[in-house]
Amino acid sequence: MTTSISLRRGQYRDSVALMQVSRELGASTGVRTAFVAMATELNLELAATMGFEPPPGASPHDMVVALDADDAASLAHATDLLEQLLSARAATTGTGSEHPAPRTVRSGARQAPEANLAVISLPGSGVLAEAMDALEAGLSVLIFSDNVPVEDEVRLKDQARERGLLVMGPDCGTAMVNGVGLGFANVVRPGPVGLVAASGTGAQHLMCLLDAAGVGVRHCLGVGGRDLSAAVQGRSTLQALDILAADDATELIVVVSKPAAPEVAEQINQRAAQVGKPVLLSVLGPDQPDLTTTAAAVARAAGVDWAEPHSWPASQERIRVYGHLRGLYSGGTLCDEAMLIASAALGRVSSNIPLEPQWALPSDLRSLGHVMIDFGADELTRGRPHPMIDATLRLERLAAEAADPTCGVLLLDVVLGHAAHPDPAAELAPAIRAALRRARDADRDLAVVIALVGTDGDPQGLRRQADALVAAGASVHRSNAAAARKALKLLGVAP
């Protein structure tokens, strides 16, 4: 066995690209383990758990390469393959252009003078300069990156407003402009609805529910999960409302958001009443409609009959289980929605994105009573792909919860669409089978409930994913709210 760990100073690659490189290297003959990632604190800790000694002096701007091979020849082959993979990705522009890939936003704007939107995905600390360059070049900006300081967000959005441009994000995971999906995007039918979304998975869920009901979407302008916070004051939401109000093809506007600061929600209410088009507000909070209820209201406003979203019962449906609820979510808004529903019946639900400050989980995220975790939160995605792409952390936690005798129901989301994992059920179904088998062997109760977010047109195959998850032993619901209520019913609690 031969191991190697090294640093490549100042060599940055997108975390998703490096995850793909790691997988290709790991599939190479003679390679036991391959880990290629940016040298963030979290990734260095992960390398250490894999048996590698983290190199000294590493920074998040460096690339760490850790390889474990059968022998020196296999290690040398893996190193050569790594060079080929990194070179191939560096040379690919994805545009079909004869020009070399631009290295900055400014050079990209010069190469494509007809462009009006820049998409930025960089470590959060490097976003401000590139986004400012885009605005100065006359481009609106979609910032996919998270971990951007809130003061940078406010500065960028103020600059955009002065220039008549729009900043979508930071942490804008989903958007659609003229029917073209950006970031995580589901395949939905075109139509008259325009969304303003201070939420990524919330917007995806709403669009998927509308698509299933026969209602199409024209635009989804993501504004970032902090836009309706007290710090950001709805800067991009107000602009996006004006943009959709001026679009003749948008007939109905929907604002969807995580829980908002009360004074900001009121400001949005006031602006919505002035835009001259019907506006429906879906701001999650206590005693507020859930996303499925909002989808029903939008469908009816569009003149479409509404039917409750489809569910698939588990292959061996349980009537009652005992223990605590544990939610393992990839989508923050879906986690918020499930917590709002669950806490109304259960009381305290601890989380890393708690509804109440005193409900915060400890820093090690250990389970205490009823728990829901957002694996897409900033602290869990620093230097690693989003859990909709890389399910490693969530699968590890699923196994840990299955071993916990106090866990009665596991509640998860599975989000389909472009940019998401190409076959999430292929990884999740075996983990669910193992969890249920472990509980059975210990002679205890455990149930798995899944909210499946997607459309019939998504590349993963909605029905194929549902069938695989049901066969593994889960009950599957197209409505996240229905999934949360099913989990409560299994615990013997009235929603």
Protein backbone atom coordinates (compact mmCIF):
# COMPACT_ATOMS: atom_id res chain seq x y z
CA MET A 1 0.00 0.00 0.00
CA THR A 2 1.38 3.41 -1.02
CA THR A 3 -0.05 6.74 0.11
CA SER A 4 0.60 10.33 -0.89
CA ILE A 5 -0.81 13.70 0.15
CA SER A 6 0.32 16.99 -1.37
CA LEU A 7 -0.68 20.61 -1.82
CA ARG A 8 -0.95 22.53 -5.08
CA ARG A 9 -0.52 26.15 -4.04
CA GLY A 10 -2.98 28.65 -5.48
CA GLN A 11 -4.56 26.10 -7.82
CA TYR A 12 -8.32 26.62 -7.61
CA ARG A 13 -11.02 24.40 -9.13
CA ASP A 14 -14.74 24.29 -8.53
CA SER A 15 -15.68 21.79 -5.79
CA VAL A 16 -18.06 19.91 -8.08
CA ALA A 17 -15.33 19.46 -10.70
CA LEU A 18 -12.93 18.18 -8.05
CA MET A 19 -15.52 15.74 -6.74
CA GLN A 20 -15.82 14.34 -10.29
CA VAL A 21 -12.02 14.10 -10.54
CA SER A 22 -11.93 12.23 -7.22
CA ARG A 23 -14.52 9.75 -8.47
CA GLU A 24 -12.66 9.08 -11.72
CA LEU A 25 -9.39 8.59 -9.87
CA GLY A 26 -11.06 6.32 -7.32
CA ALA A 27 -12.32 4.10 -10.14
CA SER A 28 -8.79 3.69 -11.52
CA THR A 29 -7.17 0.27 -11.22
CA GLY A 30 -5.11 -0.11 -8.07
CA VAL A 31 -6.44 3.04 -6.37
CA ARG A 32 -8.01 2.44 -2.96
CA THR A 33 -8.82 6.05 -2.06
CA ALA A 34 -8.68 9.32 -3.99
CA PHE A 35 -9.52 12.68 -2.47
CA VAL A 36 -8.99 15.88 -4.46
CA ALA A 37 -10.46 19.06 -2.97
CA MET A 38 -9.74 22.62 -1.96
CA ALA A 39 -7.81 22.72 1.31
CA THR A 40 -10.55 24.14 3.50
CA GLU A 41 -10.56 23.29 7.19
CA LEU A 42 -13.50 20.92 6.67
CA ASN A 43 -11.79 19.10 3.79
CA LEU A 44 -8.53 18.76 5.71
CA GLU A 45 -10.48 17.24 8.60
CA LEU A 46 -12.13 14.86 6.14
CA ALA A 47 -8.72 13.87 4.74
CA ALA A 48 -7.56 13.15 8.29
CA THR A 49 -10.53 10.85 8.93
CA MET A 50 -9.52 8.98 5.75
CA GLY A 51 -6.08 8.32 7.25
CA PHE A 52 -4.04 11.11 5.61
CA GLU A 53 -1.86 13.51 7.58
CA PRO A 54 -2.93 17.05 6.52
CA PRO A 55 0.02 19.01 5.09
CA PRO A 56 1.12 22.09 7.07
CA GLY A 57 0.51 25.62 5.85
CA ALA A 58 -2.56 24.82 3.76
CA SER A 59 -5.06 27.54 2.86
CA PRO A 60 -8.54 27.34 1.25
CA HIS A 61 -6.95 28.68 -1.96
CA ASP A 62 -4.76 25.55 -2.27
CA MET A 63 -5.72 22.18 -3.71
CA VAL A 64 -5.08 19.08 -1.60
CA VAL A 65 -4.47 15.76 -3.37
CA ALA A 66 -4.60 12.58 -1.28
CA LEU A 67 -4.09 9.16 -2.90
CA ASP A 68 -3.91 5.65 -1.46
CA ALA A 69 -2.88 2.97 -3.98
CA ASP A 70 -1.91 -0.71 -3.97
CA ASP A 71 1.66 0.01 -5.06
CA ALA A 72 4.01 2.66 -6.46
CA ALA A 73 3.05 1.90 -10.06
CA SER A 74 -0.66 2.39 -9.34
CA LEU A 75 0.11 5.63 -7.53
CA ALA A 76 2.18 6.90 -10.46
CA HIS A 77 -0.62 6.01 -12.88
CA ALA A 78 -3.16 7.83 -10.71
CA THR A 79 -0.92 10.91 -10.58
CA ASP A 80 -0.61 10.94 -14.38
CA LEU A 81 -4.38 10.52 -14.72
CA LEU A 82 -4.93 13.42 -12.30
CA GLU A 83 -2.85 15.70 -14.53
CA GLN A 84 -4.87 14.66 -17.57
CA LEU A 85 -8.20 15.22 -15.81
CA LEU A 86 -7.23 18.65 -14.46
CA SER A 87 -5.81 19.73 -17.83
CA ALA A 88 -8.92 18.57 -19.69
CA ARG A 89 -11.19 20.54 -17.40
CA ALA A 90 -9.02 23.66 -17.57
CA ALA A 91 -9.08 23.58 -21.38
CA THR A 92 -12.84 23.17 -21.70
CA THR A 93 -14.83 26.39 -22.13
CA GLY A 94 -18.24 24.80 -22.63
CA THR A 95 -19.13 27.56 -25.11
CA GLY A 96 -17.94 26.08 -28.37
CA SER A 97 -16.00 29.30 -28.88
CA GLU A 98 -12.68 29.46 -30.65
CA HIS A 99 -11.47 31.87 -27.96
CA PRO A 100 -9.71 30.58 -24.83
CA ALA A 101 -11.79 30.47 -21.68
CA PRO A 102 -11.88 33.93 -20.08
CA ARG A 103 -10.07 34.17 -16.76
CA THR A 104 -12.05 37.14 -15.43
CA VAL A 105 -15.54 38.58 -15.73
CA ARG A 106 -14.14 41.63 -17.52
CA SER A 107 -12.48 39.53 -20.23
CA GLY A 108 -15.62 37.42 -20.55
CA ALA A 109 -17.73 40.54 -21.06
CA ARG A 110 -15.37 41.69 -23.80
CA GLN A 111 -15.63 38.33 -25.56
CA ALA A 112 -19.45 38.34 -25.38
CA PRO A 113 -20.61 41.96 -25.70
CA GLU A 114 -24.22 40.83 -26.22
CA ALA A 115 -24.36 39.16 -22.78
CA ASN A 116 -26.44 40.76 -20.03
CA LEU A 117 -25.98 38.25 -17.17
CA ALA A 118 -22.92 36.86 -15.38
CA VAL A 119 -23.07 33.69 -13.30
CA ILE A 120 -20.46 33.56 -10.51
CA SER A 121 -19.45 30.47 -8.56
CA LEU A 122 -16.32 31.15 -6.50
CA PRO A 123 -15.30 30.82 -2.86
CA GLY A 124 -17.35 33.42 -0.99
CA SER A 125 -14.32 35.56 -0.14
CA GLY A 126 -13.57 36.12 -3.85
CA VAL A 127 -17.07 37.07 -5.00
CA LEU A 128 -17.12 40.82 -4.31
CA ALA A 129 -14.43 41.85 -6.80
CA GLU A 130 -15.73 39.70 -9.68
CA ALA A 131 -19.37 40.64 -9.09
CA MET A 132 -18.46 44.33 -8.93
CA ASP A 133 -16.60 43.97 -12.23
CA ALA A 134 -19.71 42.40 -13.76
CA LEU A 135 -21.93 45.26 -12.61
CA GLU A 136 -19.45 47.82 -13.95
CA ALA A 137 -19.55 45.96 -17.29
CA GLY A 138 -23.36 46.38 -17.38
CA LEU A 139 -24.20 42.81 -16.43
CA SER A 140 -26.75 41.61 -13.92
CA VAL A 141 -25.28 38.93 -11.68
CA LEU A 142 -26.33 35.52 -10.42
CA ILE A 143 -24.13 34.55 -7.46
CA PHE A 144 -24.28 30.80 -6.88
CA SER A 145 -21.61 31.02 -4.15
CA ASP A 146 -22.43 30.88 -0.46
CA ASN A 147 -20.30 32.09 2.46
CA VAL A 148 -20.35 35.66 1.07
CA PRO A 149 -20.20 38.29 3.86
CA VAL A 150 -23.55 40.01 4.29
CA GLU A 151 -21.94 43.46 4.01
CA ASP A 152 -20.65 42.46 0.55
CA GLU A 153 -24.17 41.39 -0.42
CA VAL A 154 -25.65 44.74 0.62
CA ARG A 155 -22.92 46.68 -1.22
CA LEU A 156 -23.43 44.71 -4.44
CA LYS A 157 -27.20 45.06 -4.36
CA ASP A 158 -26.98 48.81 -3.79
CA GLN A 159 -24.60 49.10 -6.76
CA ALA A 160 -26.95 47.04 -8.91
CA ARG A 161 -29.93 49.22 -8.05
CA GLU A 162 -28.01 52.38 -8.97
CA ARG A 163 -27.17 50.87 -12.37
CA GLY A 164 -30.62 49.43 -13.10
CA LEU A 165 -29.30 45.86 -12.78
CA LEU A 166 -30.22 42.89 -10.59
CA VAL A 167 -28.13 40.80 -8.20
CA MET A 168 -29.52 37.28 -7.73
CA GLY A 169 -27.95 35.76 -4.64
CA PRO A 170 -25.54 35.21 -2.98
CA ASP A 171 -26.42 31.57 -2.38
CA CYS A 172 -28.81 31.67 -5.34
CA GLY A 173 -29.03 27.98 -6.15
CA THR A 174 -31.98 28.20 -8.54
CA ALA A 175 -33.16 30.64 -11.18
CA MET A 176 -35.01 30.63 -14.49
CA VAL A 177 -34.84 33.45 -17.04
CA ASN A 178 -37.11 33.27 -20.08
CA GLY A 179 -37.55 29.55 -19.45
CA VAL A 180 -33.80 28.85 -19.21
CA GLY A 181 -32.82 27.18 -15.96
CA LEU A 182 -29.70 28.30 -14.07
CA GLY A 183 -28.09 26.47 -11.17
CA PHE A 184 -30.24 23.64 -9.83
CA ALA A 185 -33.16 23.64 -12.26
CA ASN A 186 -36.07 21.31 -12.89
CA VAL A 187 -37.68 20.77 -16.29
CA VAL A 188 -40.97 22.66 -16.02
CA ARG A 189 -43.50 23.72 -18.62
CA PRO A 190 -43.58 27.35 -19.81
CA GLY A 191 -46.41 29.53 -18.63
CA PRO A 192 -47.56 32.86 -17.22
CA VAL A 193 -46.21 32.63 -13.65
CA GLY A 194 -43.20 34.63 -12.44
CA LEU A 195 -41.47 33.78 -9.17
CA VAL A 196 -39.39 35.96 -6.89
CA ALA A 197 -37.54 33.47 -4.72
CA ALA A 198 -35.59 34.13 -1.53
CA SER A 199 -35.27 30.37 -1.47
CA GLY A 200 -33.73 27.76 -3.75
CA THR A 201 -35.36 24.43 -2.98
CA GLY A 202 -38.57 26.22 -2.00
CA ALA A 203 -38.76 27.69 -5.50
CA GLN A 204 -37.95 24.32 -7.06
CA HIS A 205 -40.64 22.62 -4.99
CA LEU A 206 -43.25 25.22 -5.89
CA MET A 207 -42.42 25.06 -9.60
CA CYS A 208 -42.57 21.25 -9.57
CA LEU A 209 -45.95 21.26 -7.84
CA LEU A 210 -47.25 23.78 -10.38
CA ASP A 211 -45.88 21.73 -13.28
CA ALA A 212 -47.69 18.63 -11.98
CA ALA A 213 -50.89 20.68 -11.82
CA GLY A 214 -50.47 21.91 -15.42
CA VAL A 215 -49.33 25.46 -14.60
CA GLY A 216 -46.20 26.82 -16.31
CA VAL A 217 -43.49 29.24 -15.18
CA ARG A 218 -41.80 31.95 -17.25
CA HIS A 219 -39.26 33.39 -14.82
CA CYS A 220 -37.86 32.49 -11.42
CA LEU A 221 -35.67 35.31 -10.14
CA GLY A 222 -33.72 33.94 -7.18
CA VAL A 223 -32.59 36.67 -4.80
CA GLY A 224 -30.68 34.67 -2.16
CA GLY A 225 -31.86 33.27 1.13
CA ARG A 226 -30.84 36.37 3.14
CA ASP A 227 -32.60 38.94 0.98
CA LEU A 228 -35.64 39.24 3.25
CA SER A 229 -33.51 39.42 6.39
CA ALA A 230 -33.26 42.54 8.54
CA ALA A 231 -29.69 43.04 7.28
CA VAL A 232 -30.50 43.02 3.54
CA GLN A 233 -34.01 44.54 3.68
CA GLY A 234 -35.41 42.89 0.55
CA ARG A 235 -33.22 44.88 -1.83
CA SER A 236 -33.33 42.39 -4.72
CA THR A 237 -36.88 41.24 -4.01
CA LEU A 238 -38.20 44.77 -4.51
CA GLN A 239 -36.29 45.08 -7.79
CA ALA A 240 -37.42 41.66 -9.01
CA LEU A 241 -41.06 42.57 -8.33
CA ASP A 242 -40.66 45.64 -10.54
CA ILE A 243 -38.97 43.60 -13.28
CA LEU A 244 -41.76 41.01 -13.40
CA ALA A 245 -44.42 43.73 -13.24
CA ALA A 246 -42.90 45.25 -16.40
CA ASP A 247 -42.85 41.89 -18.26
CA ASP A 248 -46.00 41.63 -20.40
CA ALA A 249 -45.84 37.82 -20.55
CA THR A 250 -45.88 37.48 -16.75
CA GLU A 251 -49.49 37.48 -15.60
CA LEU A 252 -49.18 36.27 -12.00
CA ILE A 253 -46.32 36.87 -9.55
CA VAL A 254 -45.46 34.67 -6.57
CA VAL A 255 -42.98 35.63 -3.84
CA VAL A 256 -41.59 32.57 -2.04
CA SER A 257 -39.25 32.89 0.92
CA LYS A 258 -37.86 31.34 4.03
CA PRO A 259 -39.06 32.99 7.24
CA ALA A 260 -38.56 36.75 6.80
CA ALA A 261 -37.92 39.67 9.14
CA PRO A 262 -41.41 41.03 9.98
CA GLU A 263 -40.67 44.61 8.92
CA VAL A 264 -39.22 43.41 5.59
CA ALA A 265 -42.24 41.16 4.94
CA GLU A 266 -44.49 44.16 5.49
CA GLN A 267 -42.43 46.23 3.06
CA ILE A 268 -42.79 43.50 0.42
CA ASN A 269 -46.53 43.37 1.08
CA GLN A 270 -46.82 47.07 0.43
CA ARG A 271 -44.82 46.92 -2.82
CA ALA A 272 -46.82 43.89 -4.01
CA ALA A 273 -50.02 45.88 -3.70
CA GLN A 274 -48.60 48.54 -6.03
CA VAL A 275 -47.22 46.53 -8.98
CA GLY A 276 -50.48 46.35 -10.93
CA LYS A 277 -50.54 42.54 -11.24
CA PRO A 278 -51.82 39.77 -8.95
CA VAL A 279 -49.14 38.88 -6.39
CA LEU A 280 -49.31 35.89 -4.06
CA LEU A 281 -46.97 35.85 -1.06
CA SER A 282 -45.60 32.59 0.29
CA VAL A 283 -43.36 33.58 3.19
CA LEU A 284 -42.93 30.60 5.50
CA GLY A 285 -43.69 31.15 9.15
CA PRO A 286 -45.97 30.07 12.00
CA ASP A 287 -49.63 29.99 10.93
CA GLN A 288 -48.65 30.76 7.33
CA PRO A 289 -49.56 28.56 4.32
CA ASP A 290 -47.11 25.82 3.40
CA LEU A 291 -45.70 25.55 -0.14
CA THR A 292 -48.29 22.99 -1.24
CA THR A 293 -51.12 25.26 -0.10
CA THR A 294 -49.50 28.11 -2.04
CA ALA A 295 -49.24 25.92 -5.15
CA ALA A 296 -52.96 25.17 -4.89
CA ALA A 297 -53.75 28.89 -4.61
CA VAL A 298 -51.58 29.71 -7.64
CA ALA A 299 -53.20 26.94 -9.70
CA ARG A 300 -56.68 28.17 -8.87
CA ALA A 301 -55.69 31.77 -9.64
CA ALA A 302 -54.47 30.51 -13.03
CA GLY A 303 -57.84 28.84 -13.63
CA VAL A 304 -56.59 25.27 -13.19
CA ASP A 305 -58.26 22.55 -11.13
CA TRP A 306 -56.11 21.40 -8.21
CA ALA A 307 -55.57 17.82 -7.04
CA GLU A 308 -53.48 16.83 -4.04
CA PRO A 309 -49.92 15.82 -5.02
CA HIS A 310 -49.29 12.12 -5.50
CA SER A 311 -47.82 9.87 -2.80
CA TRP A 312 -46.38 6.36 -2.95
CA PRO A 313 -46.87 4.28 0.21
CA ALA A 314 -43.97 2.26 1.56
CA SER A 315 -43.72 -1.34 0.37
CA GLN A 316 -44.47 -2.40 3.95
CA GLU A 317 -46.51 0.50 5.31
CA ARG A 318 -46.19 1.11 9.04
CA ILE A 319 -49.07 2.25 11.21
CA ARG A 320 -47.14 3.51 14.22
CA VAL A 321 -43.54 3.78 15.34
CA TYR A 322 -41.93 4.99 18.54
CA GLY A 323 -39.10 7.42 19.10
CA HIS A 324 -38.01 10.82 17.84
CA LEU A 325 -38.23 12.54 14.47
CA ARG A 326 -34.92 13.08 12.66
CA GLY A 327 -34.98 15.19 9.50
CA LEU A 328 -31.96 15.07 7.15
CA TYR A 329 -32.49 17.75 4.51
CA SER A 330 -30.51 19.02 1.53
CA GLY A 331 -32.83 22.02 1.06
CA GLY A 332 -32.95 24.75 3.72
CA THR A 333 -36.44 25.99 2.86
CA LEU A 334 -37.81 22.45 2.82
CA CYS A 335 -36.20 21.90 6.21
CA ASP A 336 -37.80 25.13 7.50
CA GLU A 337 -41.21 24.09 6.20
CA ALA A 338 -40.97 20.64 7.79
CA MET A 339 -39.82 22.14 11.11
CA LEU A 340 -42.74 24.58 11.14
CA ILE A 341 -45.20 21.74 10.63
CA ALA A 342 -43.48 19.41 13.10
CA SER A 343 -42.89 21.94 15.87
CA ALA A 344 -46.56 22.92 15.89
CA ALA A 345 -47.28 19.37 17.04
CA LEU A 346 -44.07 18.31 18.81
CA GLY A 347 -42.80 21.53 20.34
CA ARG A 348 -39.03 21.89 20.28
CA VAL A 349 -37.30 20.67 17.10
CA SER A 350 -33.54 21.25 17.38
CA SER A 351 -31.62 22.28 14.27
CA ASN A 352 -28.55 23.94 12.84
CA ILE A 353 -31.04 26.45 11.32
CA PRO A 354 -33.36 26.65 14.34
CA LEU A 355 -36.76 28.31 14.31
CA GLU A 356 -35.97 29.62 17.81
CA PRO A 357 -32.46 30.55 19.01
CA GLN A 358 -32.75 28.30 22.04
CA TRP A 359 -33.45 25.33 19.75
CA ALA A 360 -29.98 25.45 18.17
CA LEU A 361 -28.07 22.18 17.98
CA PRO A 362 -24.63 21.97 19.61
CA SER A 363 -21.69 22.53 17.28
CA ASP A 364 -21.14 18.78 16.81
CA LEU A 365 -24.79 18.47 15.62
CA ARG A 366 -25.45 15.51 17.91
CA SER A 367 -29.09 14.47 18.09
CA LEU A 368 -31.10 15.60 21.11
CA GLY A 369 -34.78 14.74 20.92
CA HIS A 370 -36.51 15.78 17.70
CA VAL A 371 -33.90 17.09 15.24
CA MET A 372 -33.78 18.44 11.69
CA ILE A 373 -30.51 19.28 9.92
CA ASP A 374 -30.02 21.37 6.80
CA PHE A 375 -26.96 19.83 5.12
CA GLY A 376 -26.94 22.70 2.64
CA ALA A 377 -26.17 25.27 5.34
CA ASP A 378 -23.05 27.39 4.84
CA GLU A 379 -20.98 25.69 7.53
CA LEU A 380 -21.56 22.25 5.96
CA THR A 381 -20.86 23.28 2.35
CA ARG A 382 -17.67 25.26 2.93
CA GLY A 383 -15.20 23.78 0.46
CA ARG A 384 -17.40 20.87 -0.59
CA PRO A 385 -20.26 20.31 -3.08
CA HIS A 386 -23.89 20.91 -2.13
CA PRO A 387 -25.63 17.82 -0.68
CA MET A 388 -27.91 17.70 -3.74
CA ILE A 389 -24.73 16.73 -5.61
CA ASP A 390 -22.68 14.92 -2.97
CA ALA A 391 -24.69 13.00 -0.38
CA THR A 392 -21.68 11.79 1.66
CA LEU A 393 -22.38 13.70 4.89
CA ARG A 394 -26.10 12.94 4.78
CA LEU A 395 -25.53 9.22 4.19
CA GLU A 396 -23.11 9.11 7.13
CA ARG A 397 -25.71 10.77 9.36
CA LEU A 398 -28.46 8.44 8.11
CA ALA A 399 -26.38 5.45 9.22
CA ALA A 400 -25.72 7.09 12.60
CA GLU A 401 -29.41 7.80 13.17
CA ALA A 402 -30.29 4.23 12.20
CA ALA A 403 -28.00 3.08 15.00
CA ASP A 404 -29.64 5.43 17.53
CA PRO A 405 -32.37 3.59 19.49
CA THR A 406 -34.19 6.90 20.14
CA CYS A 407 -34.77 7.53 16.40
CA GLY A 408 -38.27 6.53 15.22
CA VAL A 409 -38.77 8.32 11.89
CA LEU A 410 -36.23 9.53 9.33
CA LEU A 411 -37.53 12.37 7.14
CA LEU A 412 -35.54 13.32 4.03
CA ASP A 413 -35.85 15.31 0.83
CA VAL A 414 -34.63 14.15 -2.58
CA VAL A 415 -34.34 16.94 -5.14
CA LEU A 416 -34.08 16.11 -8.84
CA GLY A 417 -33.26 18.28 -11.85
CA HIS A 418 -30.30 19.54 -13.84
CA ALA A 419 -27.05 19.97 -11.82
CA ALA A 420 -28.32 17.65 -9.06
CA HIS A 421 -26.99 14.12 -8.55
CA PRO A 422 -27.70 12.05 -11.70
CA ASP A 423 -29.25 9.16 -9.73
CA PRO A 424 -29.78 9.96 -6.03
CA ALA A 425 -31.82 6.82 -5.40
CA ALA A 426 -28.84 4.67 -6.42
CA GLU A 427 -26.98 5.95 -3.34
CA LEU A 428 -29.91 6.49 -1.00
CA ALA A 429 -31.89 3.28 -1.53
CA PRO A 430 -29.11 0.93 -0.28
CA ALA A 431 -28.59 3.21 2.74
CA ILE A 432 -32.32 3.08 3.54
CA ARG A 433 -32.36 -0.72 3.26
CA ALA A 434 -29.37 -0.95 5.57
CA ALA A 435 -30.97 1.42 8.10
CA LEU A 436 -34.25 -0.47 8.21
CA ARG A 437 -32.45 -3.82 8.41
CA ARG A 438 -30.32 -2.58 11.31
CA ALA A 439 -33.42 -1.42 13.20
CA ARG A 440 -35.15 -4.73 12.50
CA ASP A 441 -32.17 -6.70 13.75
CA ALA A 442 -32.23 -4.62 16.96
CA ASP A 443 -35.97 -5.35 17.31
CA ARG A 444 -36.99 -1.69 17.19
CA ASP A 445 -39.22 0.56 15.10
CA LEU A 446 -37.95 2.78 12.31
CA ALA A 447 -39.72 4.37 9.33
CA VAL A 448 -38.35 6.43 6.44
CA VAL A 449 -40.39 9.19 4.78
CA ILE A 450 -39.18 11.07 1.69
CA ALA A 451 -40.24 14.31 0.00
CA LEU A 452 -39.42 13.85 -3.71
CA VAL A 453 -39.04 17.17 -5.54
CA GLY A 454 -39.03 16.85 -9.31
CA THR A 455 -41.00 16.66 -12.53
CA ASP A 456 -41.70 14.01 -15.14
CA GLY A 457 -39.23 15.76 -17.46
CA ASP A 458 -36.26 15.72 -15.09
CA PRO A 459 -33.27 13.69 -16.31
CA GLN A 460 -33.20 11.39 -13.26
CA GLY A 461 -36.72 10.05 -13.99
CA LEU A 462 -39.24 10.98 -11.30
CA ARG A 463 -41.12 7.68 -11.36
CA ARG A 464 -37.93 5.61 -11.50
CA GLN A 465 -36.59 7.43 -8.43
CA ALA A 466 -39.86 6.99 -6.55
CA ASP A 467 -40.06 3.27 -7.37
CA ALA A 468 -36.48 2.66 -6.19
CA LEU A 469 -37.03 4.51 -2.90
CA VAL A 470 -40.34 2.73 -2.23
CA ALA A 471 -38.72 -0.63 -2.97
CA ALA A 472 -36.07 0.23 -0.38
CA GLY A 473 -38.79 0.67 2.25
CA ALA A 474 -39.58 4.42 2.25
CA SER A 475 -42.88 6.17 1.75
CA VAL A 476 -42.52 8.88 -0.91
CA HIS A 477 -44.47 12.12 -1.29
CA ARG A 478 -44.39 14.81 -3.98
CA SER A 479 -45.42 17.32 -1.29
CA ASN A 480 -42.87 18.14 1.40
CA ALA A 481 -45.68 19.27 3.70
CA ALA A 482 -47.45 15.94 3.20
CA ALA A 483 -44.21 14.10 3.97
CA ALA A 484 -43.80 16.03 7.23
CA ARG A 485 -47.39 15.27 8.23
CA LYS A 486 -46.91 11.60 7.37
CA ALA A 487 -43.89 11.52 9.69
CA LEU A 488 -45.97 13.00 12.51
CA LYS A 489 -48.75 10.49 11.88
CA LEU A 490 -46.26 7.63 12.17
CA LEU A 491 -45.20 9.03 15.54
CA GLY A 492 -48.83 9.04 16.63
CA VAL A 493 -49.02 12.85 16.74
CA ALA A 494 -51.78 14.87 15.10
CA PRO A 495 -50.32 17.43 12.65
